[in-house]
Amino acid sequence: MRLSRIALVIVGLLFVGLGILGVVLPVLPTTPFLIVAAACFAKSSPMLHQMLLDNRIFGPMIRDWQAHRSIPLRAKRIALVSMVLACAWSCYVLQSYLWGALVIALITGPFIFVWRLPISEQKPPEGR
C-alpha cells in the first residue's frame, strides 16, 4: 500500500512538472496535466492535493473538473487551437503523407475528447 502511494506522488509530481512546462511551451497543454496530478494526489497526498486546489490560477479549473467534468471556455479554445496548429506545423515539417496521416490520427482522439467537454459556468465577480 505504501509503495503505491509513493508511486502516485511521483507520477503526480511528474505531471505537475509537465503542467509547468505547458505554461511556457505553447503546444503543451497545462490543464490536463494538472488534472491528472490532482487525481494522483487525491489518492496519495491530501496536502499536495490541497496545494493544487488552493492555487489561485489553476485551482478553479481543477475544482470545476472535479465537480462538473468541465473546463473554462478559454482553456478549451487554447487547447483546440494549439492542437490544430501543432498538427499543421508537424505535417508541414515532416513533408511526408504517411507521417502526416499518423500525426492527424494521433491527435484526432484527444481533439474530439476536448471538443466534447462541457464548458464550465462563468461566475460573475463578487460585489456585483
C-alpha atoms as a PDB file:
ATOM      1  CA  MET A   1       0.000   0.000   0.000  1.00  0.00           C
ATOM      2  CA  ARG A   2       2.770   2.442   0.904  1.00  0.00           C
ATOM      3  CA  LEU A   3       4.618   1.782  -2.360  1.00  0.00           C
ATOM      4  CA  SER A   4       1.535   2.640  -4.432  1.00  0.00           C
ATOM      5  CA  ARG A   5       1.135   5.944  -2.560  1.00  0.00           C
ATOM      6  CA  ILE A   6       4.766   6.834  -3.229  1.00  0.00           C
ATOM      7  CA  ALA A   7       4.334   5.922  -6.899  1.00  0.00           C
ATOM      8  CA  LEU A   8       1.223   8.120  -7.154  1.00  0.00           C
ATOM      9  CA  VAL A   9       3.060  11.060  -5.560  1.00  0.00           C
ATOM     10  CA  ILE A  10       5.940  10.633  -8.024  1.00  0.00           C
ATOM     11  CA  VAL A  11       3.553  10.415 -11.002  1.00  0.00           C
ATOM     12  CA  GLY A  12       1.645  13.439  -9.672  1.00  0.00           C
ATOM     13  CA  LEU A  13       4.848  15.457  -9.370  1.00  0.00           C
ATOM     14  CA  LEU A  14       5.830  14.409 -12.906  1.00  0.00           C
ATOM     15  CA  PHE A  15       2.502  15.708 -14.219  1.00  0.00           C
ATOM     16  CA  VAL A  16       2.873  18.953 -12.259  1.00  0.00           C
ATOM     17  CA  GLY A  17       6.250  19.348 -13.977  1.00  0.00           C
ATOM     18  CA  LEU A  18       4.646  18.745 -17.370  1.00  0.00           C
ATOM     19  CA  GLY A  19       1.947  21.276 -16.472  1.00  0.00           C
ATOM     20  CA  ILE A  20       4.594  23.853 -15.622  1.00  0.00           C
ATOM     21  CA  LEU A  21       6.269  23.164 -18.977  1.00  0.00           C
ATOM     22  CA  GLY A  22       2.866  23.690 -20.578  1.00  0.00           C
ATOM     23  CA  VAL A  23       2.784  27.218 -19.189  1.00  0.00           C
ATOM     24  CA  VAL A  24       5.877  28.186 -21.199  1.00  0.00           C
ATOM     25  CA  LEU A  25       5.520  25.884 -24.234  1.00  0.00           C
ATOM     26  CA  PRO A  26       2.511  26.867 -26.348  1.00  0.00           C
ATOM     27  CA  VAL A  27       1.921  23.403 -27.845  1.00  0.00           C
ATOM     28  CA  LEU A  28       1.869  21.604 -24.492  1.00  0.00           C
ATOM     29  CA  PRO A  29      -1.420  21.881 -22.593  1.00  0.00           C
ATOM     30  CA  THR A  30      -1.306  22.716 -18.890  1.00  0.00           C
ATOM     31  CA  THR A  31      -4.763  21.929 -17.542  1.00  0.00           C
ATOM     32  CA  PRO A  32      -4.960  18.200 -18.427  1.00  0.00           C
ATOM     33  CA  PHE A  33      -1.605  17.527 -16.777  1.00  0.00           C
ATOM     34  CA  LEU A  34      -2.663  19.319 -13.602  1.00  0.00           C
ATOM     35  CA  ILE A  35      -5.976  17.430 -13.549  1.00  0.00           C
ATOM     36  CA  VAL A  36      -4.077  14.122 -13.691  1.00  0.00           C
ATOM     37  CA  ALA A  37      -1.716  15.371 -10.960  1.00  0.00           C
ATOM     38  CA  ALA A  38      -4.701  16.312  -8.790  1.00  0.00           C
ATOM     39  CA  ALA A  39      -6.185  12.833  -9.263  1.00  0.00           C
ATOM     40  CA  CYS A  40      -2.877  11.227  -8.238  1.00  0.00           C
ATOM     41  CA  PHE A  41      -2.556  13.484  -5.199  1.00  0.00           C
ATOM     42  CA  ALA A  42      -6.191  12.907  -4.167  1.00  0.00           C
ATOM     43  CA  LYS A  43      -5.354   9.220  -3.698  1.00  0.00           C
ATOM     44  CA  SER A  44      -1.886   9.650  -2.219  1.00  0.00           C
ATOM     45  CA  SER A  45      -1.248  13.040  -0.585  1.00  0.00           C
ATOM     46  CA  PRO A  46      -4.073  15.227   0.747  1.00  0.00           C
ATOM     47  CA  MET A  47      -1.555  18.016   1.410  1.00  0.00           C
ATOM     48  CA  LEU A  48      -0.318  18.170  -2.233  1.00  0.00           C
ATOM     49  CA  HIS A  49      -3.908  17.835  -3.482  1.00  0.00           C
ATOM     50  CA  GLN A  50      -4.974  20.790  -1.364  1.00  0.00           C
ATOM     51  CA  MET A  51      -1.991  22.827  -2.578  1.00  0.00           C
ATOM     52  CA  LEU A  52      -3.155  22.365  -6.182  1.00  0.00           C
ATOM     53  CA  LEU A  53      -6.746  23.246  -5.275  1.00  0.00           C
ATOM     54  CA  ASP A  54      -5.588  26.352  -3.400  1.00  0.00           C
ATOM     55  CA  ASN A  55      -3.554  27.640  -6.360  1.00  0.00           C
ATOM     56  CA  ARG A  56      -5.220  30.884  -7.427  1.00  0.00           C
ATOM     57  CA  ILE A  57      -4.595  30.265 -11.142  1.00  0.00           C
ATOM     58  CA  PHE A  58      -5.117  26.549 -11.608  1.00  0.00           C
ATOM     59  CA  GLY A  59      -7.259  25.710  -8.575  1.00  0.00           C
ATOM     60  CA  PRO A  60     -10.582  26.878 -10.072  1.00  0.00           C
ATOM     61  CA  MET A  61     -10.038  24.818 -13.246  1.00  0.00           C
ATOM     62  CA  ILE A  62      -9.205  21.702 -11.239  1.00  0.00           C
ATOM     63  CA  ARG A  63     -12.222  22.192  -8.954  1.00  0.00           C
ATOM     64  CA  ASP A  64     -14.514  22.682 -11.997  1.00  0.00           C
ATOM     65  CA  TRP A  65     -13.174  19.470 -13.489  1.00  0.00           C
ATOM     66  CA  GLN A  66     -13.602  17.502 -10.263  1.00  0.00           C
ATOM     67  CA  ALA A  67     -17.102  18.827  -9.587  1.00  0.00           C
ATOM     68  CA  HIS A  68     -18.612  19.068 -13.078  1.00  0.00           C
ATOM     69  CA  ARG A  69     -16.165  17.472 -15.554  1.00  0.00           C
ATOM     70  CA  SER A  70     -15.989  20.817 -17.345  1.00  0.00           C
ATOM     71  CA  ILE A  71     -13.279  23.290 -18.360  1.00  0.00           C
ATOM     72  CA  PRO A  72     -13.362  27.053 -18.957  1.00  0.00           C
ATOM     73  CA  LEU A  73     -14.126  28.222 -22.492  1.00  0.00           C
ATOM     74  CA  ARG A  74     -10.755  29.975 -22.743  1.00  0.00           C
ATOM     75  CA  ALA A  75      -8.855  26.783 -21.809  1.00  0.00           C
ATOM     76  CA  LYS A  76     -10.896  24.785 -24.302  1.00  0.00           C
ATOM     77  CA  ARG A  77     -10.209  27.256 -27.113  1.00  0.00           C
ATOM     78  CA  ILE A  78      -6.484  27.388 -26.342  1.00  0.00           C
ATOM     79  CA  ALA A  79      -6.255  23.592 -26.230  1.00  0.00           C
ATOM     80  CA  LEU A  80      -8.079  23.090 -29.538  1.00  0.00           C
ATOM     81  CA  VAL A  81      -6.210  25.846 -31.385  1.00  0.00           C
ATOM     82  CA  SER A  82      -2.889  24.563 -30.031  1.00  0.00           C
ATOM     83  CA  MET A  83      -3.689  21.060 -31.239  1.00  0.00           C
ATOM     84  CA  VAL A  84      -4.599  22.252 -34.716  1.00  0.00           C
ATOM     85  CA  LEU A  85      -1.519  24.485 -35.007  1.00  0.00           C
ATOM     86  CA  ALA A  86       0.819  21.781 -33.691  1.00  0.00           C
ATOM     87  CA  CYS A  87      -0.701  19.244 -36.080  1.00  0.00           C
ATOM     88  CA  ALA A  88      -0.446  21.585 -39.062  1.00  0.00           C
ATOM     89  CA  TRP A  89       3.141  22.513 -38.200  1.00  0.00           C
ATOM     90  CA  SER A  90       4.085  18.848 -37.755  1.00  0.00           C
ATOM     91  CA  CYS A  91       2.565  17.911 -41.114  1.00  0.00           C
ATOM     92  CA  TYR A  92       4.394  20.802 -42.776  1.00  0.00           C
ATOM     93  CA  VAL A  93       7.760  19.957 -41.211  1.00  0.00           C
ATOM     94  CA  LEU A  94       7.505  16.198 -41.792  1.00  0.00           C
ATOM     95  CA  GLN A  95       6.664  16.618 -45.515  1.00  0.00           C
ATOM     96  CA  SER A  96       5.515  13.019 -45.743  1.00  0.00           C
ATOM     97  CA  TYR A  97       1.927  11.969 -46.287  1.00  0.00           C
ATOM     98  CA  LEU A  98       2.442   8.848 -44.175  1.00  0.00           C
ATOM     99  CA  TRP A  99       3.873  10.736 -41.170  1.00  0.00           C
ATOM    100  CA  GLY A 100       1.294  13.498 -41.597  1.00  0.00           C
ATOM    101  CA  ALA A 101      -1.514  10.937 -41.559  1.00  0.00           C
ATOM    102  CA  LEU A 102      -0.022   9.406 -38.412  1.00  0.00           C
ATOM    103  CA  VAL A 103       0.103  12.813 -36.676  1.00  0.00           C
ATOM    104  CA  ILE A 104      -3.512  13.503 -37.650  1.00  0.00           C
ATOM    105  CA  ALA A 105      -4.581  10.045 -36.465  1.00  0.00           C
ATOM    106  CA  LEU A 106      -2.841  10.531 -33.120  1.00  0.00           C
ATOM    107  CA  ILE A 107      -4.343  13.981 -32.496  1.00  0.00           C
ATOM    108  CA  THR A 108      -7.908  13.080 -33.548  1.00  0.00           C
ATOM    109  CA  GLY A 109      -8.864  11.261 -30.328  1.00  0.00           C
ATOM    110  CA  PRO A 110      -7.656  13.948 -27.905  1.00  0.00           C
ATOM    111  CA  PHE A 111      -9.136  16.667 -30.137  1.00  0.00           C
ATOM    112  CA  ILE A 112     -12.580  15.035 -30.077  1.00  0.00           C
ATOM    113  CA  PHE A 113     -12.309  14.481 -26.324  1.00  0.00           C
ATOM    114  CA  VAL A 114     -11.564  18.169 -25.642  1.00  0.00           C
ATOM    115  CA  TRP A 115     -14.153  19.318 -28.216  1.00  0.00           C
ATOM    116  CA  ARG A 116     -16.896  17.364 -26.416  1.00  0.00           C
ATOM    117  CA  LEU A 117     -16.032  18.593 -22.912  1.00  0.00           C
ATOM    118  CA  PRO A 118     -18.678  20.833 -21.380  1.00  0.00           C
ATOM    119  CA  ILE A 119     -17.782  24.450 -20.679  1.00  0.00           C
ATOM    120  CA  SER A 120     -17.691  25.439 -17.008  1.00  0.00           C
ATOM    121  CA  GLU A 121     -20.120  28.053 -15.765  1.00  0.00           C
ATOM    122  CA  GLN A 122     -18.619  31.521 -15.588  1.00  0.00           C
ATOM    123  CA  LYS A 123     -19.329  33.128 -12.229  1.00  0.00           C
ATOM    124  CA  PRO A 124     -19.720  36.930 -12.081  1.00  0.00           C
ATOM    125  CA  PRO A 125     -17.126  38.762  -9.988  1.00  0.00           C
ATOM    126  CA  GLU A 126     -18.094  39.258  -6.343  1.00  0.00           C
ATOM    127  CA  GLY A 127     -19.551  42.611  -5.351  1.00  0.00           C
ATOM    128  CA  ARG A 128     -21.953  42.900  -8.287  1.00  0.00           C
END
